[in-house]
Amino acid sequence: MPSPFVQEVLIKSILVSLNDAVAADNFTVFHAKISKPFRDQFPPDKLQTIFKDLVEKHAVFDAVVAKPAIADEDAKIDDKGVLRLKGHFETTPKQVKYQLGFIPSDGAWKLSGIAIDIE
């Protein structure tokens, strides 16, 4: 189990990468940072389609770097070896909520699943 500090780094780095991909409407760099199984399943153009709503809304959520991640559930590694992190950031005017999955890939914890909600 990664330390709380490492968990926060994982959360913030992937959300900032996603924010940059949304802002640029280009998911190539974000794609390169995710786990190999996730990369194989979701090429950049498919990621672009999945996050189309955020792109169209011009969602900006890079303020997460300045706020602490608040866990909504304890971090856990499930029976498939996936590190599950669920929480939110007290950002204004809208809160950023996340559910992230990470697996060991290419020698590091890499994203294997993501759900983000900005409300």
N, C-alpha and C. Protein backbone atom coordinates (compact mmCIF):
# COMPACT_ATOMS: atom_id res chain seq x y z
N MET A 1 0.85 -1.18 0.00
CA MET A 1 0.00 0.00 0.00
C MET A 1 0.90 1.25 0.00
N PRO A 2 0.71 2.10 -1.00
CA PRO A 2 1.49 3.35 -1.01
C PRO A 2 1.13 4.22 0.20
N SER A 3 2.08 5.00 0.66
CA SER A 3 1.85 5.90 1.79
C SER A 3 0.79 6.95 1.41
N PRO A 4 0.17 7.60 2.42
CA PRO A 4 -0.78 8.68 2.12
C PRO A 4 -0.18 9.77 1.23
N PHE A 5 1.11 10.09 1.45
CA PHE A 5 1.77 11.10 0.61
C PHE A 5 1.81 10.64 -0.84
N VAL A 6 2.22 9.40 -1.07
CA VAL A 6 2.29 8.87 -2.44
C VAL A 6 0.90 8.81 -3.06
N GLN A 7 -0.10 8.44 -2.27
CA GLN A 7 -1.48 8.42 -2.77
C GLN A 7 -1.88 9.81 -3.27
N GLU A 8 -1.56 10.84 -2.49
CA GLU A 8 -1.92 12.20 -2.88
C GLU A 8 -1.18 12.61 -4.17
N VAL A 9 0.07 12.22 -4.28
CA VAL A 9 0.83 12.51 -5.51
C VAL A 9 0.18 11.82 -6.71
N LEU A 10 -0.20 10.55 -6.54
CA LEU A 10 -0.87 9.82 -7.63
C LEU A 10 -2.15 10.53 -8.05
N ILE A 11 -2.96 10.90 -7.07
CA ILE A 11 -4.25 11.55 -7.35
C ILE A 11 -4.04 12.86 -8.09
N LYS A 12 -3.21 13.72 -7.50
CA LYS A 12 -3.04 15.06 -8.09
C LYS A 12 -2.36 15.00 -9.45
N SER A 13 -1.35 14.14 -9.60
CA SER A 13 -0.64 14.12 -10.88
C SER A 13 -1.55 13.63 -12.00
N ILE A 14 -2.40 12.64 -11.73
CA ILE A 14 -3.26 12.14 -12.81
C ILE A 14 -4.38 13.14 -13.10
N LEU A 15 -4.90 13.82 -12.07
CA LEU A 15 -5.95 14.80 -12.31
C LEU A 15 -5.42 16.03 -13.06
N VAL A 16 -4.19 16.44 -12.74
CA VAL A 16 -3.60 17.57 -13.47
C VAL A 16 -3.32 17.17 -14.92
N SER A 17 -2.86 15.94 -15.14
CA SER A 17 -2.66 15.46 -16.51
C SER A 17 -3.97 15.44 -17.27
N LEU A 18 -5.04 14.97 -16.61
CA LEU A 18 -6.35 14.97 -17.25
C LEU A 18 -6.82 16.39 -17.52
N ASN A 19 -6.61 17.30 -16.57
CA ASN A 19 -6.98 18.70 -16.77
C ASN A 19 -6.27 19.27 -18.00
N ASP A 20 -4.98 18.99 -18.14
CA ASP A 20 -4.22 19.49 -19.29
C ASP A 20 -4.74 18.89 -20.59
N ALA A 21 -5.09 17.60 -20.56
CA ALA A 21 -5.64 16.95 -21.75
C ALA A 21 -6.98 17.57 -22.15
N VAL A 22 -7.81 17.83 -21.15
CA VAL A 22 -9.11 18.46 -21.41
C VAL A 22 -8.92 19.87 -21.98
N ALA A 23 -8.02 20.64 -21.37
CA ALA A 23 -7.79 22.03 -21.82
C ALA A 23 -7.28 22.07 -23.25
N ALA A 24 -6.39 21.13 -23.60
CA ALA A 24 -5.80 21.10 -24.94
C ALA A 24 -6.64 20.29 -25.93
N ASP A 25 -7.65 19.57 -25.42
CA ASP A 25 -8.42 18.63 -26.24
C ASP A 25 -7.47 17.68 -26.98
N ASN A 26 -6.47 17.22 -26.22
CA ASN A 26 -5.46 16.30 -26.76
C ASN A 26 -5.08 15.33 -25.65
N PHE A 27 -5.36 14.06 -25.85
CA PHE A 27 -5.19 13.07 -24.80
C PHE A 27 -3.95 12.19 -24.98
N THR A 28 -3.04 12.59 -25.85
CA THR A 28 -1.84 11.79 -26.13
C THR A 28 -0.95 11.65 -24.91
N VAL A 29 -0.64 12.75 -24.23
CA VAL A 29 0.24 12.72 -23.05
C VAL A 29 -0.46 11.98 -21.90
N PHE A 30 -1.74 12.27 -21.68
CA PHE A 30 -2.49 11.57 -20.64
C PHE A 30 -2.47 10.07 -20.90
N HIS A 31 -2.66 9.70 -22.15
CA HIS A 31 -2.65 8.28 -22.54
C HIS A 31 -1.32 7.62 -22.18
N ALA A 32 -0.22 8.34 -22.39
CA ALA A 32 1.11 7.79 -22.11
C ALA A 32 1.34 7.56 -20.62
N LYS A 33 0.57 8.21 -19.76
CA LYS A 33 0.77 8.12 -18.31
C LYS A 33 -0.08 7.04 -17.64
N ILE A 34 -0.96 6.40 -18.37
CA ILE A 34 -1.85 5.41 -17.76
C ILE A 34 -1.27 4.01 -17.92
N SER A 35 -1.85 3.05 -17.21
CA SER A 35 -1.32 1.68 -17.23
C SER A 35 -1.43 1.06 -18.61
N LYS A 36 -0.57 0.10 -18.88
CA LYS A 36 -0.57 -0.55 -20.19
C LYS A 36 -1.92 -1.18 -20.53
N PRO A 37 -2.56 -1.94 -19.62
CA PRO A 37 -3.88 -2.50 -19.99
C PRO A 37 -4.90 -1.41 -20.33
N PHE A 38 -4.86 -0.30 -19.59
CA PHE A 38 -5.78 0.81 -19.84
C PHE A 38 -5.45 1.47 -21.18
N ARG A 39 -4.13 1.63 -21.46
CA ARG A 39 -3.70 2.21 -22.76
C ARG A 39 -4.18 1.34 -23.91
N ASP A 40 -4.04 0.01 -23.74
CA ASP A 40 -4.44 -0.90 -24.81
C ASP A 40 -5.94 -0.83 -25.07
N GLN A 41 -6.70 -0.65 -24.01
CA GLN A 41 -8.16 -0.62 -24.12
C GLN A 41 -8.68 0.73 -24.60
N PHE A 42 -7.97 1.81 -24.24
CA PHE A 42 -8.45 3.16 -24.54
C PHE A 42 -7.38 3.99 -25.24
N PRO A 43 -7.31 3.94 -26.58
CA PRO A 43 -6.38 4.81 -27.29
C PRO A 43 -6.77 6.29 -27.09
N PRO A 44 -5.88 7.23 -27.41
CA PRO A 44 -6.16 8.65 -27.18
C PRO A 44 -7.50 9.12 -27.74
N ASP A 45 -7.87 8.66 -28.94
CA ASP A 45 -9.14 9.14 -29.53
C ASP A 45 -10.34 8.65 -28.74
N LYS A 46 -10.24 7.46 -28.15
CA LYS A 46 -11.34 6.95 -27.33
C LYS A 46 -11.42 7.73 -26.01
N LEU A 47 -10.26 8.06 -25.45
CA LEU A 47 -10.24 8.89 -24.24
C LEU A 47 -10.87 10.24 -24.52
N GLN A 48 -10.58 10.78 -25.69
CA GLN A 48 -11.15 12.07 -26.10
C GLN A 48 -12.67 11.99 -26.13
N THR A 49 -13.20 10.89 -26.62
CA THR A 49 -14.65 10.70 -26.66
C THR A 49 -15.22 10.56 -25.26
N ILE A 50 -14.54 9.79 -24.41
CA ILE A 50 -15.01 9.57 -23.05
C ILE A 50 -15.10 10.88 -22.28
N PHE A 51 -14.11 11.74 -22.45
CA PHE A 51 -14.06 12.99 -21.70
C PHE A 51 -14.58 14.19 -22.50
N LYS A 52 -15.34 13.91 -23.56
CA LYS A 52 -15.87 14.95 -24.43
C LYS A 52 -16.67 15.98 -23.65
N ASP A 53 -17.46 15.51 -22.67
CA ASP A 53 -18.29 16.42 -21.88
C ASP A 53 -17.44 17.45 -21.14
N LEU A 54 -16.32 17.00 -20.56
CA LEU A 54 -15.44 17.94 -19.86
C LEU A 54 -14.81 18.93 -20.83
N VAL A 55 -14.44 18.45 -22.01
CA VAL A 55 -13.85 19.32 -23.03
C VAL A 55 -14.86 20.38 -23.46
N GLU A 56 -16.08 19.94 -23.75
CA GLU A 56 -17.12 20.87 -24.22
C GLU A 56 -17.50 21.90 -23.16
N LYS A 57 -17.41 21.51 -21.89
CA LYS A 57 -17.73 22.43 -20.80
C LYS A 57 -16.53 23.30 -20.42
N HIS A 58 -15.41 23.08 -21.09
CA HIS A 58 -14.16 23.79 -20.77
C HIS A 58 -13.86 23.66 -19.29
N ALA A 59 -14.01 22.45 -18.78
CA ALA A 59 -13.78 22.19 -17.35
C ALA A 59 -12.32 22.48 -17.00
N VAL A 60 -12.15 23.19 -15.90
CA VAL A 60 -10.82 23.48 -15.39
C VAL A 60 -10.81 23.05 -13.93
N PHE A 61 -9.94 22.12 -13.62
CA PHE A 61 -9.90 21.65 -12.24
C PHE A 61 -8.47 21.51 -11.75
N ASP A 62 -7.58 22.37 -12.27
CA ASP A 62 -6.19 22.33 -11.84
C ASP A 62 -5.99 22.90 -10.45
N ALA A 63 -7.03 23.50 -9.85
CA ALA A 63 -6.94 24.00 -8.48
C ALA A 63 -6.71 22.88 -7.48
N VAL A 64 -6.89 21.63 -7.91
CA VAL A 64 -6.67 20.50 -6.99
C VAL A 64 -5.24 20.49 -6.45
N VAL A 65 -4.29 21.05 -7.20
CA VAL A 65 -2.90 21.02 -6.72
C VAL A 65 -2.72 21.85 -5.46
N ALA A 66 -3.58 22.83 -5.25
CA ALA A 66 -3.45 23.72 -4.09
C ALA A 66 -4.27 23.26 -2.89
N LYS A 67 -5.02 22.21 -3.04
CA LYS A 67 -5.91 21.73 -1.98
C LYS A 67 -5.52 20.32 -1.57
N PRO A 68 -5.78 19.96 -0.31
CA PRO A 68 -5.53 18.57 0.09
C PRO A 68 -6.61 17.65 -0.46
N ALA A 69 -6.22 16.44 -0.82
CA ALA A 69 -7.19 15.43 -1.22
C ALA A 69 -7.90 14.95 0.04
N ILE A 70 -9.21 14.90 0.01
CA ILE A 70 -10.00 14.44 1.15
C ILE A 70 -10.59 13.08 0.79
N ALA A 71 -10.18 12.07 1.52
CA ALA A 71 -10.64 10.70 1.23
C ALA A 71 -12.09 10.54 1.67
N ASP A 72 -12.92 9.99 0.79
CA ASP A 72 -14.30 9.66 1.14
C ASP A 72 -14.39 8.22 1.63
N GLU A 73 -13.40 7.43 1.28
CA GLU A 73 -13.28 6.04 1.74
C GLU A 73 -11.80 5.77 1.99
N ASP A 74 -11.53 4.82 2.87
CA ASP A 74 -10.14 4.43 3.10
C ASP A 74 -9.56 3.83 1.82
N ALA A 75 -8.31 4.15 1.55
CA ALA A 75 -7.62 3.54 0.41
C ALA A 75 -7.57 2.03 0.64
N LYS A 76 -7.74 1.29 -0.44
CA LYS A 76 -7.67 -0.17 -0.31
C LYS A 76 -7.13 -0.76 -1.59
N ILE A 77 -6.56 -1.93 -1.46
CA ILE A 77 -6.15 -2.71 -2.63
C ILE A 77 -7.13 -3.86 -2.70
N ASP A 78 -7.90 -3.91 -3.80
CA ASP A 78 -8.95 -4.92 -3.91
C ASP A 78 -8.39 -6.29 -4.27
N ASP A 79 -9.28 -7.26 -4.42
CA ASP A 79 -8.85 -8.64 -4.67
C ASP A 79 -8.21 -8.83 -6.04
N LYS A 80 -8.28 -7.82 -6.90
CA LYS A 80 -7.63 -7.89 -8.21
C LYS A 80 -6.30 -7.12 -8.21
N GLY A 81 -5.90 -6.62 -7.04
CA GLY A 81 -4.64 -5.89 -6.92
C GLY A 81 -4.73 -4.43 -7.33
N VAL A 82 -5.97 -3.90 -7.42
CA VAL A 82 -6.16 -2.51 -7.83
C VAL A 82 -6.22 -1.63 -6.59
N LEU A 83 -5.38 -0.60 -6.56
CA LEU A 83 -5.42 0.40 -5.51
C LEU A 83 -6.61 1.31 -5.80
N ARG A 84 -7.56 1.35 -4.88
CA ARG A 84 -8.79 2.15 -5.04
C ARG A 84 -8.72 3.39 -4.17
N LEU A 85 -8.84 4.55 -4.80
CA LEU A 85 -8.82 5.83 -4.10
C LEU A 85 -10.08 6.61 -4.47
N LYS A 86 -10.85 7.00 -3.46
CA LYS A 86 -12.10 7.73 -3.69
C LYS A 86 -12.13 8.91 -2.74
N GLY A 87 -12.41 10.09 -3.30
CA GLY A 87 -12.46 11.27 -2.46
C GLY A 87 -12.85 12.50 -3.24
N HIS A 88 -12.49 13.64 -2.66
CA HIS A 88 -12.84 14.91 -3.31
C HIS A 88 -11.87 16.00 -2.88
N PHE A 89 -11.99 17.13 -3.55
CA PHE A 89 -11.26 18.34 -3.21
C PHE A 89 -12.27 19.43 -2.93
N GLU A 90 -12.04 20.20 -1.87
CA GLU A 90 -12.92 21.33 -1.53
C GLU A 90 -12.52 22.53 -2.39
N THR A 91 -12.81 22.43 -3.67
CA THR A 91 -12.50 23.50 -4.60
C THR A 91 -13.76 24.34 -4.83
N THR A 92 -13.56 25.58 -5.19
CA THR A 92 -14.70 26.46 -5.48
C THR A 92 -14.55 26.99 -6.89
N PRO A 93 -15.62 27.27 -7.60
CA PRO A 93 -17.00 27.20 -7.14
C PRO A 93 -17.57 25.78 -7.12
N LYS A 94 -16.87 24.83 -7.72
CA LYS A 94 -17.39 23.47 -7.79
C LYS A 94 -16.41 22.50 -7.14
N GLN A 95 -16.95 21.47 -6.53
CA GLN A 95 -16.14 20.44 -5.91
C GLN A 95 -15.72 19.41 -6.95
N VAL A 96 -14.49 18.96 -6.86
CA VAL A 96 -13.99 17.91 -7.74
C VAL A 96 -14.02 16.59 -6.97
N LYS A 97 -14.80 15.62 -7.48
CA LYS A 97 -14.90 14.30 -6.85
C LYS A 97 -14.23 13.30 -7.78
N TYR A 98 -13.56 12.33 -7.19
CA TYR A 98 -12.83 11.36 -8.00
C TYR A 98 -12.98 9.95 -7.43
N GLN A 99 -12.91 9.00 -8.33
CA GLN A 99 -12.74 7.59 -8.00
C GLN A 99 -11.67 7.09 -8.96
N LEU A 100 -10.56 6.66 -8.39
CA LEU A 100 -9.42 6.26 -9.21
C LEU A 100 -8.98 4.86 -8.87
N GLY A 101 -8.52 4.15 -9.87
CA GLY A 101 -7.91 2.84 -9.68
C GLY A 101 -6.51 2.88 -10.25
N PHE A 102 -5.56 2.30 -9.53
CA PHE A 102 -4.18 2.23 -9.98
C PHE A 102 -3.69 0.80 -9.86
N ILE A 103 -2.89 0.38 -10.82
CA ILE A 103 -2.27 -0.94 -10.76
C ILE A 103 -0.77 -0.79 -11.00
N PRO A 104 0.02 -1.74 -10.49
CA PRO A 104 1.44 -1.70 -10.83
C PRO A 104 1.60 -1.96 -12.33
N SER A 105 2.24 -1.04 -13.02
CA SER A 105 2.45 -1.16 -14.48
C SER A 105 3.73 -0.41 -14.82
N ASP A 106 4.58 -1.01 -15.60
CA ASP A 106 5.84 -0.37 -15.99
C ASP A 106 6.64 0.08 -14.77
N GLY A 107 6.58 -0.68 -13.67
CA GLY A 107 7.39 -0.38 -12.50
C GLY A 107 6.86 0.70 -11.58
N ALA A 108 5.63 1.14 -11.78
CA ALA A 108 5.06 2.19 -10.93
C ALA A 108 3.55 2.00 -10.86
N TRP A 109 2.92 2.69 -9.92
CA TRP A 109 1.45 2.68 -9.88
C TRP A 109 0.94 3.54 -11.02
N LYS A 110 0.12 2.95 -11.89
CA LYS A 110 -0.41 3.68 -13.05
C LYS A 110 -1.93 3.55 -13.06
N LEU A 111 -2.57 4.55 -13.62
CA LEU A 111 -4.02 4.61 -13.67
C LEU A 111 -4.60 3.43 -14.43
N SER A 112 -5.63 2.79 -13.84
CA SER A 112 -6.33 1.70 -14.52
C SER A 112 -7.82 1.96 -14.62
N GLY A 113 -8.30 3.01 -13.97
CA GLY A 113 -9.71 3.35 -14.04
C GLY A 113 -9.93 4.72 -13.42
N ILE A 114 -10.90 5.45 -13.98
CA ILE A 114 -11.14 6.81 -13.48
C ILE A 114 -12.60 7.19 -13.65
N ALA A 115 -13.11 7.84 -12.63
CA ALA A 115 -14.41 8.50 -12.71
C ALA A 115 -14.21 9.84 -12.02
N ILE A 116 -14.62 10.90 -12.69
CA ILE A 116 -14.47 12.24 -12.13
C ILE A 116 -15.80 12.96 -12.27
N ASP A 117 -16.13 13.72 -11.25
CA ASP A 117 -17.38 14.47 -11.25
C ASP A 117 -17.07 15.86 -10.71
N ILE A 118 -17.52 16.86 -11.41
CA ILE A 118 -17.30 18.24 -10.98
C ILE A 118 -18.68 18.83 -10.74
N GLU A 119 -18.96 19.10 -9.45
CA GLU A 119 -20.31 19.61 -9.13
C GLU A 119 -20.26 20.68 -8.07
